[in-house]
Amino acid sequence: MKSLWPVLLICLAAAPSSLVSRRSSLVSAAAGDPNDPNDLWWKKWDIIAKDPNDPNELLRTKWDALARVLQNKDLDQKTKEKIIDKIVSPTFDFPLMAKLTLGRTHWPKLSDPQREKFTSLFTERLKTSYREKITLYKDEKLLFKPAVHKDKTTIQIPTELLSEGKKVVIVYKLRKLEKRWMIYDVEIQGVSILLTYLSQFDDILQRGSVEDLLARLEEPPTP
């Protein structure tokens, strides 16, 4: 199953494993300065949805852009990581995801500085997770099905990942925020990424403090 996670790059989370994941360098060998926020050299790899209000089209165009980057043999690995990070990140509501992983039990206990720090560390964890697995991409196909509307601002988009004769059911959950559809959770074979993290974080907080959780997220990579 692990060989399938890289093609889930659009969910930025792969499958949650241990609490602390390995950090990756984002140094790029491409033209331009990848560390300059005003440098838009990567834009040529992105695909803009014709109708940004259509969540199905949004996901399809992002997936097409990712596949194009991953299949390009002229880009080195670090450059691919940088481009994909730029393309995918705007489609996720990271603040909401961070809040949901702590739930109503733990989120209210955090001070504003703690919330800001946790959100930053959690966001980096999601991004690091796919960077580690990006090299395993094998040209898998992702089939999109019509969106299922839960209410005016929340929808789910079922998809099927096809790889080596296997089918994996993936459901993307999105909410509309200021006229933009953004992903806040992904279910893989019925398992919610957010609920998986919620269980991990709850276990730590039941035994320790918020500072203990933050310290765990800041630990150096494990072998």
N, C-alpha and C. Protein backbone atom coordinates (compact mmCIF):
# COMPACT_ATOMS: atom_id res chain seq x y z
N MET A 1 0.83 -1.21 0.00
CA MET A 1 0.00 0.00 0.00
C MET A 1 0.86 1.26 0.00
N LYS A 2 2.04 1.18 0.60
CA LYS A 2 2.88 2.37 0.69
C LYS A 2 3.27 2.91 -0.68
N SER A 3 3.36 2.03 -1.68
CA SER A 3 3.75 2.48 -3.01
C SER A 3 2.70 3.37 -3.64
N LEU A 4 1.49 3.42 -3.08
CA LEU A 4 0.42 4.22 -3.64
C LEU A 4 0.37 5.62 -3.05
N TRP A 5 0.97 5.82 -1.90
CA TRP A 5 0.84 7.13 -1.23
C TRP A 5 1.38 8.30 -2.04
N PRO A 6 2.47 8.16 -2.79
CA PRO A 6 3.00 9.32 -3.51
C PRO A 6 2.00 9.95 -4.46
N VAL A 7 1.12 9.17 -5.03
CA VAL A 7 0.18 9.75 -5.98
C VAL A 7 -0.93 10.50 -5.27
N LEU A 8 -0.91 10.51 -3.97
CA LEU A 8 -1.89 11.28 -3.21
C LEU A 8 -1.30 12.63 -2.84
N LEU A 9 -0.36 13.11 -3.63
CA LEU A 9 0.31 14.36 -3.31
C LEU A 9 -0.64 15.50 -3.11
N ILE A 10 -1.76 15.45 -3.81
CA ILE A 10 -2.70 16.56 -3.71
C ILE A 10 -3.30 16.66 -2.32
N CYS A 11 -3.19 15.58 -1.54
CA CYS A 11 -3.73 15.64 -0.17
C CYS A 11 -2.64 16.06 0.80
N LEU A 12 -1.40 16.15 0.35
CA LEU A 12 -0.28 16.66 1.14
C LEU A 12 -0.01 15.89 2.42
N ALA A 13 -0.67 14.78 2.62
CA ALA A 13 -0.53 14.15 3.91
C ALA A 13 -0.07 12.72 3.86
N ALA A 14 -0.17 12.07 2.76
CA ALA A 14 0.13 10.65 2.66
C ALA A 14 -0.54 9.93 3.81
N ALA A 15 0.03 8.86 4.33
CA ALA A 15 -0.59 8.17 5.45
C ALA A 15 0.17 8.54 6.71
N PRO A 16 -0.50 9.07 7.72
CA PRO A 16 0.19 9.42 8.95
C PRO A 16 0.90 8.19 9.52
N SER A 17 2.16 8.35 9.86
CA SER A 17 2.90 7.24 10.44
C SER A 17 3.26 7.60 11.87
N SER A 18 4.52 7.90 12.12
CA SER A 18 4.90 8.33 13.46
C SER A 18 4.64 9.82 13.62
N LEU A 19 4.72 10.31 14.83
CA LEU A 19 4.41 11.71 15.09
C LEU A 19 5.38 12.64 14.39
N VAL A 20 6.64 12.31 14.39
CA VAL A 20 7.65 13.19 13.81
C VAL A 20 8.13 12.60 12.50
N SER A 21 8.11 13.39 11.45
CA SER A 21 8.56 12.91 10.15
C SER A 21 9.87 13.57 9.77
N ARG A 22 10.53 12.99 8.81
CA ARG A 22 11.82 13.48 8.36
C ARG A 22 11.68 14.78 7.59
N ARG A 23 12.52 15.74 7.87
CA ARG A 23 12.47 17.01 7.17
C ARG A 23 13.30 16.94 5.90
N SER A 24 12.86 17.69 4.88
CA SER A 24 13.56 17.68 3.61
C SER A 24 14.02 19.07 3.23
N SER A 25 15.13 19.13 2.55
CA SER A 25 15.62 20.41 2.06
C SER A 25 14.78 20.86 0.88
N LEU A 26 14.57 22.15 0.78
CA LEU A 26 13.79 22.68 -0.33
C LEU A 26 14.68 23.46 -1.30
N VAL A 27 15.96 23.20 -1.28
CA VAL A 27 16.87 23.88 -2.18
C VAL A 27 16.62 23.37 -3.59
N SER A 28 16.47 24.26 -4.54
CA SER A 28 16.17 23.89 -5.91
C SER A 28 17.30 24.30 -6.84
N ALA A 29 17.46 23.48 -7.88
CA ALA A 29 18.51 23.77 -8.86
C ALA A 29 17.96 24.47 -10.07
N ALA A 30 16.68 24.80 -10.05
CA ALA A 30 16.06 25.43 -11.21
C ALA A 30 16.47 26.89 -11.30
N ALA A 31 16.21 27.47 -12.49
CA ALA A 31 16.51 28.88 -12.67
C ALA A 31 15.63 29.71 -11.77
N GLY A 32 16.16 30.82 -11.27
CA GLY A 32 15.40 31.65 -10.34
C GLY A 32 15.71 31.26 -8.92
N ASP A 33 15.25 32.05 -8.01
CA ASP A 33 15.50 31.81 -6.60
C ASP A 33 14.26 31.23 -5.95
N PRO A 34 14.24 29.92 -5.62
CA PRO A 34 13.05 29.29 -5.04
C PRO A 34 12.74 29.77 -3.64
N ASN A 35 13.68 30.46 -3.02
CA ASN A 35 13.45 30.98 -1.68
C ASN A 35 12.87 32.39 -1.68
N ASP A 36 12.73 32.96 -2.86
CA ASP A 36 12.17 34.30 -2.99
C ASP A 36 10.67 34.20 -3.20
N PRO A 37 9.84 34.67 -2.24
CA PRO A 37 8.39 34.56 -2.36
C PRO A 37 7.83 35.31 -3.56
N ASN A 38 8.59 36.26 -4.10
CA ASN A 38 8.13 37.02 -5.26
C ASN A 38 8.56 36.40 -6.58
N ASP A 39 9.33 35.31 -6.48
CA ASP A 39 9.81 34.64 -7.68
C ASP A 39 8.75 33.66 -8.16
N LEU A 40 8.17 33.90 -9.32
CA LEU A 40 7.07 33.08 -9.83
C LEU A 40 7.51 32.15 -10.96
N TRP A 41 8.78 31.75 -10.98
CA TRP A 41 9.27 30.88 -12.04
C TRP A 41 8.49 29.58 -12.13
N TRP A 42 7.96 29.10 -11.00
CA TRP A 42 7.26 27.81 -10.96
C TRP A 42 5.86 27.87 -11.58
N LYS A 43 5.35 29.09 -11.81
CA LYS A 43 3.98 29.27 -12.29
C LYS A 43 3.72 28.55 -13.61
N LYS A 44 4.75 28.41 -14.44
CA LYS A 44 4.54 27.79 -15.75
C LYS A 44 4.13 26.33 -15.64
N TRP A 45 4.34 25.74 -14.46
CA TRP A 45 3.98 24.34 -14.27
C TRP A 45 2.56 24.18 -13.75
N ASP A 46 1.99 25.25 -13.25
CA ASP A 46 0.65 25.17 -12.68
C ASP A 46 -0.40 25.20 -13.79
N ILE A 47 -1.59 24.67 -13.49
CA ILE A 47 -2.72 24.71 -14.42
C ILE A 47 -3.88 25.36 -13.69
N ILE A 48 -4.38 26.45 -14.22
CA ILE A 48 -5.44 27.19 -13.58
C ILE A 48 -6.81 26.67 -14.03
N ALA A 49 -7.67 26.38 -13.09
CA ALA A 49 -9.02 25.90 -13.41
C ALA A 49 -9.80 27.01 -14.11
N LYS A 50 -10.49 26.65 -15.17
CA LYS A 50 -11.30 27.63 -15.90
C LYS A 50 -12.42 28.15 -15.02
N ASP A 51 -12.99 27.27 -14.21
CA ASP A 51 -14.06 27.67 -13.29
C ASP A 51 -13.62 27.34 -11.87
N PRO A 52 -13.07 28.30 -11.13
CA PRO A 52 -12.60 28.05 -9.77
C PRO A 52 -13.71 27.67 -8.80
N ASN A 53 -14.96 27.91 -9.21
CA ASN A 53 -16.09 27.54 -8.35
C ASN A 53 -16.50 26.08 -8.54
N ASP A 54 -15.86 25.40 -9.48
CA ASP A 54 -16.14 23.99 -9.71
C ASP A 54 -15.07 23.17 -9.01
N PRO A 55 -15.37 22.56 -7.85
CA PRO A 55 -14.35 21.84 -7.08
C PRO A 55 -13.78 20.64 -7.82
N ASN A 56 -14.60 19.97 -8.64
CA ASN A 56 -14.10 18.84 -9.41
C ASN A 56 -13.01 19.28 -10.39
N GLU A 57 -13.27 20.39 -11.06
CA GLU A 57 -12.29 20.91 -12.01
C GLU A 57 -11.03 21.37 -11.28
N LEU A 58 -11.20 21.95 -10.10
CA LEU A 58 -10.06 22.40 -9.32
C LEU A 58 -9.12 21.24 -9.02
N LEU A 59 -9.68 20.12 -8.52
CA LEU A 59 -8.86 18.98 -8.18
C LEU A 59 -8.24 18.34 -9.42
N ARG A 60 -9.01 18.26 -10.49
CA ARG A 60 -8.49 17.65 -11.72
C ARG A 60 -7.31 18.45 -12.29
N THR A 61 -7.43 19.76 -12.30
CA THR A 61 -6.35 20.57 -12.85
C THR A 61 -5.09 20.50 -11.98
N LYS A 62 -5.27 20.46 -10.67
CA LYS A 62 -4.12 20.34 -9.78
C LYS A 62 -3.44 18.99 -9.98
N TRP A 63 -4.26 17.94 -10.12
CA TRP A 63 -3.69 16.61 -10.33
C TRP A 63 -2.91 16.56 -11.64
N ASP A 64 -3.48 17.15 -12.71
CA ASP A 64 -2.80 17.18 -14.01
C ASP A 64 -1.47 17.92 -13.92
N ALA A 65 -1.47 19.01 -13.16
CA ALA A 65 -0.24 19.79 -12.99
C ALA A 65 0.82 18.98 -12.25
N LEU A 66 0.40 18.28 -11.20
CA LEU A 66 1.35 17.47 -10.43
C LEU A 66 1.93 16.35 -11.29
N ALA A 67 1.06 15.69 -12.05
CA ALA A 67 1.53 14.58 -12.90
C ALA A 67 2.54 15.09 -13.92
N ARG A 68 2.29 16.27 -14.47
CA ARG A 68 3.19 16.84 -15.47
C ARG A 68 4.55 17.12 -14.87
N VAL A 69 4.57 17.62 -13.64
CA VAL A 69 5.84 17.89 -12.96
C VAL A 69 6.58 16.58 -12.67
N LEU A 70 5.87 15.60 -12.11
CA LEU A 70 6.50 14.35 -11.72
C LEU A 70 7.04 13.56 -12.90
N GLN A 71 6.41 13.69 -14.05
CA GLN A 71 6.82 12.94 -15.24
C GLN A 71 7.94 13.62 -16.01
N ASN A 72 8.26 14.85 -15.66
CA ASN A 72 9.29 15.59 -16.38
C ASN A 72 10.68 15.12 -15.96
N LYS A 73 11.44 14.61 -16.91
CA LYS A 73 12.76 14.06 -16.61
C LYS A 73 13.85 15.13 -16.56
N ASP A 74 13.52 16.34 -16.94
CA ASP A 74 14.51 17.42 -16.94
C ASP A 74 14.59 18.14 -15.60
N LEU A 75 13.66 17.84 -14.69
CA LEU A 75 13.65 18.48 -13.37
C LEU A 75 14.28 17.57 -12.34
N ASP A 76 15.16 18.11 -11.51
CA ASP A 76 15.73 17.30 -10.44
C ASP A 76 14.71 17.16 -9.32
N GLN A 77 14.99 16.25 -8.41
CA GLN A 77 14.02 15.91 -7.38
C GLN A 77 13.65 17.08 -6.48
N LYS A 78 14.64 17.85 -6.07
CA LYS A 78 14.37 18.98 -5.18
C LYS A 78 13.53 20.05 -5.87
N THR A 79 13.76 20.22 -7.16
CA THR A 79 12.96 21.19 -7.91
C THR A 79 11.51 20.74 -7.98
N LYS A 80 11.30 19.45 -8.22
CA LYS A 80 9.94 18.91 -8.27
C LYS A 80 9.22 19.14 -6.94
N GLU A 81 9.93 18.92 -5.84
CA GLU A 81 9.33 19.11 -4.52
C GLU A 81 8.89 20.55 -4.33
N LYS A 82 9.76 21.47 -4.76
CA LYS A 82 9.46 22.89 -4.59
C LYS A 82 8.25 23.31 -5.42
N ILE A 83 8.20 22.87 -6.68
CA ILE A 83 7.10 23.23 -7.56
C ILE A 83 5.78 22.67 -7.04
N ILE A 84 5.79 21.41 -6.63
CA ILE A 84 4.58 20.76 -6.15
C ILE A 84 4.07 21.44 -4.89
N ASP A 85 4.98 21.83 -4.02
CA ASP A 85 4.59 22.54 -2.79
C ASP A 85 3.86 23.83 -3.14
N LYS A 86 4.38 24.56 -4.14
CA LYS A 86 3.77 25.83 -4.56
C LYS A 86 2.40 25.61 -5.19
N ILE A 87 2.26 24.54 -5.98
CA ILE A 87 1.02 24.28 -6.68
C ILE A 87 -0.10 23.82 -5.75
N VAL A 88 0.25 22.95 -4.82
CA VAL A 88 -0.76 22.29 -4.00
C VAL A 88 -1.18 23.06 -2.75
N SER A 89 -0.24 23.71 -2.08
CA SER A 89 -0.53 24.34 -0.79
C SER A 89 -1.75 25.26 -0.77
N PRO A 90 -1.98 26.09 -1.81
CA PRO A 90 -3.14 26.99 -1.77
C PRO A 90 -4.49 26.29 -1.76
N THR A 91 -4.52 24.99 -2.04
CA THR A 91 -5.80 24.28 -2.08
C THR A 91 -6.20 23.72 -0.72
N PHE A 92 -5.36 23.91 0.30
CA PHE A 92 -5.64 23.35 1.62
C PHE A 92 -5.90 24.42 2.68
N ASP A 93 -6.86 24.14 3.54
CA ASP A 93 -7.18 25.03 4.65
C ASP A 93 -6.40 24.53 5.86
N PHE A 94 -5.12 24.84 5.92
CA PHE A 94 -4.27 24.33 6.99
C PHE A 94 -4.70 24.77 8.38
N PRO A 95 -5.13 26.02 8.59
CA PRO A 95 -5.57 26.42 9.93
C PRO A 95 -6.74 25.57 10.43
N LEU A 96 -7.70 25.29 9.55
CA LEU A 96 -8.83 24.46 9.96
C LEU A 96 -8.39 23.04 10.24
N MET A 97 -7.52 22.51 9.41
CA MET A 97 -7.04 21.14 9.61
C MET A 97 -6.32 21.00 10.94
N ALA A 98 -5.50 22.00 11.27
CA ALA A 98 -4.78 21.96 12.54
C ALA A 98 -5.76 21.97 13.71
N LYS A 99 -6.77 22.82 13.61
CA LYS A 99 -7.76 22.92 14.66
C LYS A 99 -8.52 21.61 14.84
N LEU A 100 -8.89 20.98 13.73
CA LEU A 100 -9.66 19.74 13.79
C LEU A 100 -8.85 18.58 14.35
N THR A 101 -7.54 18.59 14.18
CA THR A 101 -6.74 17.49 14.70
C THR A 101 -6.64 17.51 16.22
N LEU A 102 -6.96 18.66 16.83
CA LEU A 102 -6.98 18.74 18.29
C LEU A 102 -8.39 18.65 18.85
N GLY A 103 -9.38 18.99 18.01
CA GLY A 103 -10.77 18.83 18.42
C GLY A 103 -11.22 19.82 19.48
N ARG A 104 -12.48 19.68 19.84
CA ARG A 104 -13.07 20.58 20.84
C ARG A 104 -12.50 20.37 22.24
N THR A 105 -11.91 19.21 22.46
CA THR A 105 -11.37 18.91 23.79
C THR A 105 -10.06 19.65 24.04
N HIS A 106 -9.18 19.68 23.05
CA HIS A 106 -7.84 20.21 23.28
C HIS A 106 -7.59 21.59 22.69
N TRP A 107 -8.20 21.91 21.53
CA TRP A 107 -7.92 23.20 20.90
C TRP A 107 -8.19 24.40 21.81
N PRO A 108 -9.30 24.43 22.55
CA PRO A 108 -9.58 25.59 23.42
C PRO A 108 -8.53 25.79 24.52
N LYS A 109 -7.77 24.75 24.84
CA LYS A 109 -6.79 24.85 25.91
C LYS A 109 -5.52 25.59 25.48
N LEU A 110 -5.33 25.73 24.17
CA LEU A 110 -4.11 26.36 23.66
C LEU A 110 -4.23 27.88 23.71
N SER A 111 -3.14 28.53 24.05
CA SER A 111 -3.08 29.98 23.99
C SER A 111 -2.89 30.37 22.52
N ASP A 112 -3.04 31.63 22.19
CA ASP A 112 -2.87 32.07 20.81
C ASP A 112 -1.47 31.75 20.28
N PRO A 113 -0.41 32.01 21.04
CA PRO A 113 0.94 31.66 20.55
C PRO A 113 1.09 30.15 20.32
N GLN A 114 0.48 29.35 21.22
CA GLN A 114 0.55 27.90 21.06
C GLN A 114 -0.20 27.45 19.81
N ARG A 115 -1.34 28.06 19.55
CA ARG A 115 -2.11 27.70 18.35
C ARG A 115 -1.33 28.02 17.09
N GLU A 116 -0.70 29.18 17.10
CA GLU A 116 0.08 29.59 15.93
C GLU A 116 1.26 28.64 15.70
N LYS A 117 1.92 28.28 16.78
CA LYS A 117 3.08 27.39 16.67
C LYS A 117 2.64 25.99 16.24
N PHE A 118 1.56 25.49 16.83
CA PHE A 118 1.06 24.16 16.47
C PHE A 118 0.66 24.11 15.00
N THR A 119 -0.06 25.13 14.54
CA THR A 119 -0.50 25.17 13.15
C THR A 119 0.69 25.15 12.20
N SER A 120 1.73 25.90 12.54
CA SER A 120 2.93 25.94 11.71
C SER A 120 3.63 24.58 11.66
N LEU A 121 3.77 23.95 12.82
CA LEU A 121 4.45 22.66 12.89
C LEU A 121 3.63 21.57 12.21
N PHE A 122 2.32 21.62 12.39
CA PHE A 122 1.46 20.61 11.78
C PHE A 122 1.46 20.75 10.25
N THR A 123 1.41 21.97 9.77
CA THR A 123 1.44 22.21 8.33
C THR A 123 2.72 21.68 7.72
N GLU A 124 3.83 21.94 8.38
CA GLU A 124 5.11 21.45 7.87
C GLU A 124 5.14 19.92 7.87
N ARG A 125 4.50 19.33 8.87
CA ARG A 125 4.46 17.86 8.93
C ARG A 125 3.74 17.29 7.72
N LEU A 126 2.60 17.88 7.36
CA LEU A 126 1.85 17.41 6.20
C LEU A 126 2.69 17.50 4.94
N LYS A 127 3.37 18.62 4.77
CA LYS A 127 4.18 18.81 3.57
C LYS A 127 5.37 17.85 3.54
N THR A 128 6.01 17.67 4.68
CA THR A 128 7.16 16.79 4.75
C THR A 128 6.78 15.36 4.41
N SER A 129 5.58 14.96 4.79
CA SER A 129 5.12 13.60 4.56
C SER A 129 5.14 13.23 3.10
N TYR A 130 4.67 14.13 2.22
CA TYR A 130 4.67 13.78 0.80
C TYR A 130 6.04 13.96 0.17
N ARG A 131 6.85 14.85 0.70
CA ARG A 131 8.19 15.03 0.13
C ARG A 131 9.00 13.74 0.26
N GLU A 132 8.80 13.03 1.35
CA GLU A 132 9.56 11.81 1.59
C GLU A 132 9.20 10.72 0.59
N LYS A 133 7.97 10.75 0.09
CA LYS A 133 7.48 9.65 -0.72
C LYS A 133 7.35 9.97 -2.21
N ILE A 134 7.71 11.17 -2.57
CA ILE A 134 7.49 11.63 -3.94
C ILE A 134 8.27 10.79 -4.97
N THR A 135 9.39 10.22 -4.59
CA THR A 135 10.21 9.45 -5.54
C THR A 135 9.55 8.14 -5.94
N LEU A 136 8.50 7.72 -5.23
CA LEU A 136 7.86 6.44 -5.52
C LEU A 136 6.74 6.55 -6.55
N TYR A 137 6.53 7.75 -7.08
CA TYR A 137 5.47 7.94 -8.07
C TYR A 137 5.70 7.04 -9.29
N LYS A 138 4.63 6.34 -9.73
CA LYS A 138 4.75 5.39 -10.84
C LYS A 138 3.67 5.60 -11.91
N ASP A 139 3.30 6.83 -12.15
CA ASP A 139 2.35 7.15 -13.21
C ASP A 139 0.98 6.52 -12.97
N GLU A 140 0.53 6.50 -11.72
CA GLU A 140 -0.80 5.99 -11.40
C GLU A 140 -1.87 6.94 -11.93
N LYS A 141 -3.09 6.43 -12.09
CA LYS A 141 -4.21 7.22 -12.60
C LYS A 141 -5.23 7.49 -11.49
N LEU A 142 -5.81 8.68 -11.53
CA LEU A 142 -6.81 9.05 -10.55
C LEU A 142 -8.10 9.42 -11.27
N LEU A 143 -9.18 8.71 -10.98
CA LEU A 143 -10.48 8.95 -11.61
C LEU A 143 -11.37 9.74 -10.67
N PHE A 144 -11.90 10.86 -11.15
CA PHE A 144 -12.74 11.73 -10.33
C PHE A 144 -14.22 11.45 -10.58
N LYS A 145 -14.99 11.43 -9.51
CA LYS A 145 -16.44 11.26 -9.61
C LYS A 145 -17.13 12.57 -9.22
N PRO A 146 -18.41 12.75 -9.55
CA PRO A 146 -19.11 14.00 -9.23
C PRO A 146 -19.10 14.31 -7.74
N ALA A 147 -19.04 15.59 -7.44
CA ALA A 147 -19.04 16.03 -6.04
C ALA A 147 -20.37 15.73 -5.37
N VAL A 148 -20.31 15.38 -4.10
CA VAL A 148 -21.51 15.13 -3.30
C VAL A 148 -21.66 16.30 -2.33
N HIS A 149 -22.71 17.08 -2.49
CA HIS A 149 -22.91 18.26 -1.65
C HIS A 149 -23.53 17.86 -0.30
N LYS A 150 -22.85 18.22 0.77
CA LYS A 150 -23.35 17.98 2.12
C LYS A 150 -24.21 19.15 2.58
N ASP A 151 -23.78 20.37 2.25
CA ASP A 151 -24.56 21.58 2.50
C ASP A 151 -24.01 22.65 1.55
N LYS A 152 -24.37 23.91 1.75
CA LYS A 152 -23.97 24.96 0.82
C LYS A 152 -22.46 25.23 0.80
N THR A 153 -21.79 24.91 1.88
CA THR A 153 -20.36 25.23 1.96
C THR A 153 -19.46 24.01 2.14
N THR A 154 -20.03 22.81 2.15
CA THR A 154 -19.23 21.60 2.36
C THR A 154 -19.59 20.53 1.33
N ILE A 155 -18.56 19.96 0.71
CA ILE A 155 -18.79 18.89 -0.27
C ILE A 155 -17.74 17.80 -0.10
N GLN A 156 -18.02 16.65 -0.72
CA GLN A 156 -17.06 15.56 -0.77
C GLN A 156 -16.91 15.11 -2.22
N ILE A 157 -15.68 14.83 -2.63
CA ILE A 157 -15.42 14.38 -3.99
C ILE A 157 -14.78 12.98 -3.94
N PRO A 158 -15.54 11.96 -4.33
CA PRO A 158 -14.99 10.59 -4.35
C PRO A 158 -14.06 10.42 -5.56
N THR A 159 -12.98 9.69 -5.37
CA THR A 159 -12.07 9.38 -6.47
C THR A 159 -11.61 7.94 -6.32
N GLU A 160 -11.07 7.40 -7.41
CA GLU A 160 -10.50 6.05 -7.40
C GLU A 160 -9.09 6.10 -7.97
N LEU A 161 -8.15 5.61 -7.21
CA LEU A 161 -6.77 5.55 -7.63
C LEU A 161 -6.49 4.17 -8.22
N LEU A 162 -6.02 4.13 -9.45
CA LEU A 162 -5.74 2.86 -10.13
C LEU A 162 -4.25 2.68 -10.28
N SER A 163 -3.73 1.58 -9.75
CA SER A 163 -2.30 1.32 -9.81
C SER A 163 -2.04 -0.18 -9.80
N GLU A 164 -1.40 -0.66 -10.85
CA GLU A 164 -1.00 -2.06 -10.93
C GLU A 164 -2.17 -3.01 -10.63
N GLY A 165 -3.32 -2.70 -11.22
CA GLY A 165 -4.48 -3.55 -11.06
C GLY A 165 -5.22 -3.39 -9.74
N LYS A 166 -4.78 -2.48 -8.90
CA LYS A 166 -5.42 -2.25 -7.61
C LYS A 166 -6.23 -0.96 -7.65
N LYS A 167 -7.29 -0.91 -6.86
CA LYS A 167 -8.12 0.29 -6.78
C LYS A 167 -8.19 0.76 -5.33
N VAL A 168 -7.90 2.04 -5.13
CA VAL A 168 -7.97 2.64 -3.80
C VAL A 168 -9.00 3.77 -3.84
N VAL A 169 -9.96 3.72 -2.93
CA VAL A 169 -11.00 4.74 -2.87
C VAL A 169 -10.54 5.89 -1.99
N ILE A 170 -10.56 7.08 -2.55
CA ILE A 170 -10.12 8.29 -1.84
C ILE A 170 -11.24 9.31 -1.89
N VAL A 171 -11.57 9.91 -0.76
CA VAL A 171 -12.62 10.94 -0.72
C VAL A 171 -12.01 12.24 -0.21
N TYR A 172 -12.10 13.28 -1.03
CA TYR A 172 -11.60 14.60 -0.64
C TYR A 172 -12.76 15.40 -0.06
N LYS A 173 -12.54 16.00 1.09
CA LYS A 173 -13.56 16.82 1.73
C LYS A 173 -13.17 18.28 1.62
N LEU A 174 -14.07 19.10 1.09
CA LEU A 174 -13.77 20.51 0.88
C LEU A 174 -14.84 21.39 1.50
N ARG A 175 -14.43 22.60 1.85
CA ARG A 175 -15.39 23.59 2.31
C ARG A 175 -15.12 24.89 1.55
N LYS A 176 -16.14 25.70 1.42
CA LYS A 176 -16.01 26.95 0.68
C LYS A 176 -15.67 28.06 1.66
N LEU A 177 -14.54 28.72 1.41
CA LEU A 177 -14.07 29.80 2.27
C LEU A 177 -13.81 31.03 1.42
N GLU A 178 -14.64 32.05 1.62
CA GLU A 178 -14.51 33.29 0.84
C GLU A 178 -14.48 33.01 -0.67
N LYS A 179 -15.46 32.26 -1.12
CA LYS A 179 -15.66 31.93 -2.55
C LYS A 179 -14.62 30.98 -3.11
N ARG A 180 -13.81 30.38 -2.24
CA ARG A 180 -12.81 29.42 -2.70
C ARG A 180 -13.05 28.06 -2.05
N TRP A 181 -12.98 27.00 -2.84
CA TRP A 181 -13.08 25.65 -2.30
C TRP A 181 -11.71 25.21 -1.83
N MET A 182 -11.64 24.72 -0.58
CA MET A 182 -10.37 24.30 -0.01
C MET A 182 -10.53 22.95 0.69
N ILE A 183 -9.52 22.11 0.58
CA ILE A 183 -9.55 20.78 1.19
C ILE A 183 -9.26 20.89 2.69
N TYR A 184 -10.05 20.16 3.49
CA TYR A 184 -9.78 20.15 4.93
C TYR A 184 -9.61 18.73 5.48
N ASP A 185 -9.87 17.72 4.66
CA ASP A 185 -9.64 16.34 5.10
C ASP A 185 -9.64 15.43 3.88
N VAL A 186 -9.01 14.27 4.03
CA VAL A 186 -8.98 13.25 2.98
C VAL A 186 -9.19 11.90 3.63
N GLU A 187 -10.09 11.09 3.08
CA GLU A 187 -10.30 9.73 3.55
C GLU A 187 -9.70 8.76 2.54
N ILE A 188 -8.87 7.84 3.01
CA ILE A 188 -8.27 6.84 2.15
C ILE A 188 -8.74 5.47 2.61
N GLN A 189 -9.51 4.81 1.74
CA GLN A 189 -10.10 3.52 2.08
C GLN A 189 -10.90 3.62 3.39
N GLY A 190 -11.63 4.72 3.54
CA GLY A 190 -12.49 4.91 4.70
C GLY A 190 -11.80 5.44 5.94
N VAL A 191 -10.50 5.66 5.87
CA VAL A 191 -9.74 6.14 7.04
C VAL A 191 -9.43 7.63 6.86
N SER A 192 -9.91 8.45 7.78
CA SER A 192 -9.69 9.89 7.72
C SER A 192 -8.30 10.24 8.22
N ILE A 193 -7.59 11.05 7.43
CA ILE A 193 -6.26 11.50 7.83
C ILE A 193 -6.34 12.34 9.10
N LEU A 194 -7.34 13.23 9.16
CA LEU A 194 -7.48 14.08 10.34
C LEU A 194 -7.77 13.27 11.59
N LEU A 195 -8.65 12.27 11.47
CA LEU A 195 -8.99 11.46 12.64
C LEU A 195 -7.79 10.64 13.11
N THR A 196 -6.93 10.26 12.17
CA THR A 196 -5.72 9.52 12.53
C THR A 196 -4.79 10.40 13.35
N TYR A 197 -4.60 11.63 12.89
CA TYR A 197 -3.78 12.57 13.66
C TYR A 197 -4.44 12.92 14.99
N LEU A 198 -5.76 13.07 14.97
CA LEU A 198 -6.49 13.39 16.20
C LEU A 198 -6.24 12.34 17.27
N SER A 199 -6.23 11.07 16.86
CA SER A 199 -5.97 9.99 17.79
C SER A 199 -4.55 10.05 18.34
N GLN A 200 -3.58 10.34 17.47
CA GLN A 200 -2.19 10.44 17.91
C GLN A 200 -2.00 11.59 18.90
N PHE A 201 -2.54 12.74 18.52
CA PHE A 201 -2.36 13.93 19.37
C PHE A 201 -3.11 13.79 20.70
N ASP A 202 -4.29 13.19 20.66
CA ASP A 202 -5.07 12.99 21.88
C ASP A 202 -4.31 12.09 22.85
N ASP A 203 -3.67 11.07 22.32
CA ASP A 203 -2.92 10.15 23.17
C ASP A 203 -1.79 10.89 23.90
N ILE A 204 -1.11 11.78 23.18
CA ILE A 204 -0.01 12.55 23.79
C ILE A 204 -0.54 13.52 24.83
N LEU A 205 -1.63 14.21 24.51
CA LEU A 205 -2.17 15.22 25.41
C LEU A 205 -2.85 14.61 26.63
N GLN A 206 -3.34 13.39 26.51
CA GLN A 206 -3.92 12.72 27.67
C GLN A 206 -2.85 12.38 28.71
N ARG A 207 -1.63 12.20 28.21
CA ARG A 207 -0.53 11.83 29.11
C ARG A 207 0.34 13.02 29.51
N GLY A 208 0.29 14.09 28.68
CA GLY A 208 1.16 15.22 28.95
C GLY A 208 0.49 16.55 28.67
N SER A 209 1.29 17.55 28.37
CA SER A 209 0.80 18.91 28.17
C SER A 209 0.90 19.32 26.69
N VAL A 210 0.38 20.51 26.40
CA VAL A 210 0.48 21.07 25.06
C VAL A 210 1.95 21.26 24.69
N GLU A 211 2.75 21.70 25.64
CA GLU A 211 4.17 21.89 25.38
C GLU A 211 4.86 20.57 25.05
N ASP A 212 4.37 19.48 25.64
CA ASP A 212 4.93 18.16 25.32
C ASP A 212 4.65 17.83 23.85
N LEU A 213 3.43 18.13 23.40
CA LEU A 213 3.06 17.86 22.01
C LEU A 213 3.91 18.70 21.05
N LEU A 214 4.05 19.97 21.37
CA LEU A 214 4.86 20.85 20.52
C LEU A 214 6.31 20.38 20.47
N ALA A 215 6.80 19.94 21.61
CA ALA A 215 8.18 19.46 21.67
C ALA A 215 8.35 18.21 20.81
N ARG A 216 7.35 17.32 20.82
CA ARG A 216 7.40 16.11 20.00
C ARG A 216 7.43 16.46 18.52
N LEU A 217 6.66 17.46 18.15
CA LEU A 217 6.63 17.86 16.74
C LEU A 217 7.94 18.51 16.30
N GLU A 218 8.68 19.02 17.25
CA GLU A 218 9.95 19.68 16.93
C GLU A 218 11.15 18.75 17.03
N GLU A 219 10.94 17.51 17.46
CA GLU A 219 12.05 16.58 17.61
C GLU A 219 12.77 16.34 16.29
N PRO A 220 14.07 16.07 16.35
CA PRO A 220 14.82 15.76 15.12
C PRO A 220 14.30 14.48 14.51
N PRO A 221 14.55 14.26 13.22
CA PRO A 221 14.04 13.07 12.55
C PRO A 221 14.54 11.78 13.18
N THR A 222 13.68 10.78 13.16
CA THR A 222 14.05 9.47 13.67
C THR A 222 14.49 8.59 12.51
N PRO A 223 15.34 7.62 12.73
CA PRO A 223 15.83 6.74 11.67
C PRO A 223 14.67 5.99 11.01
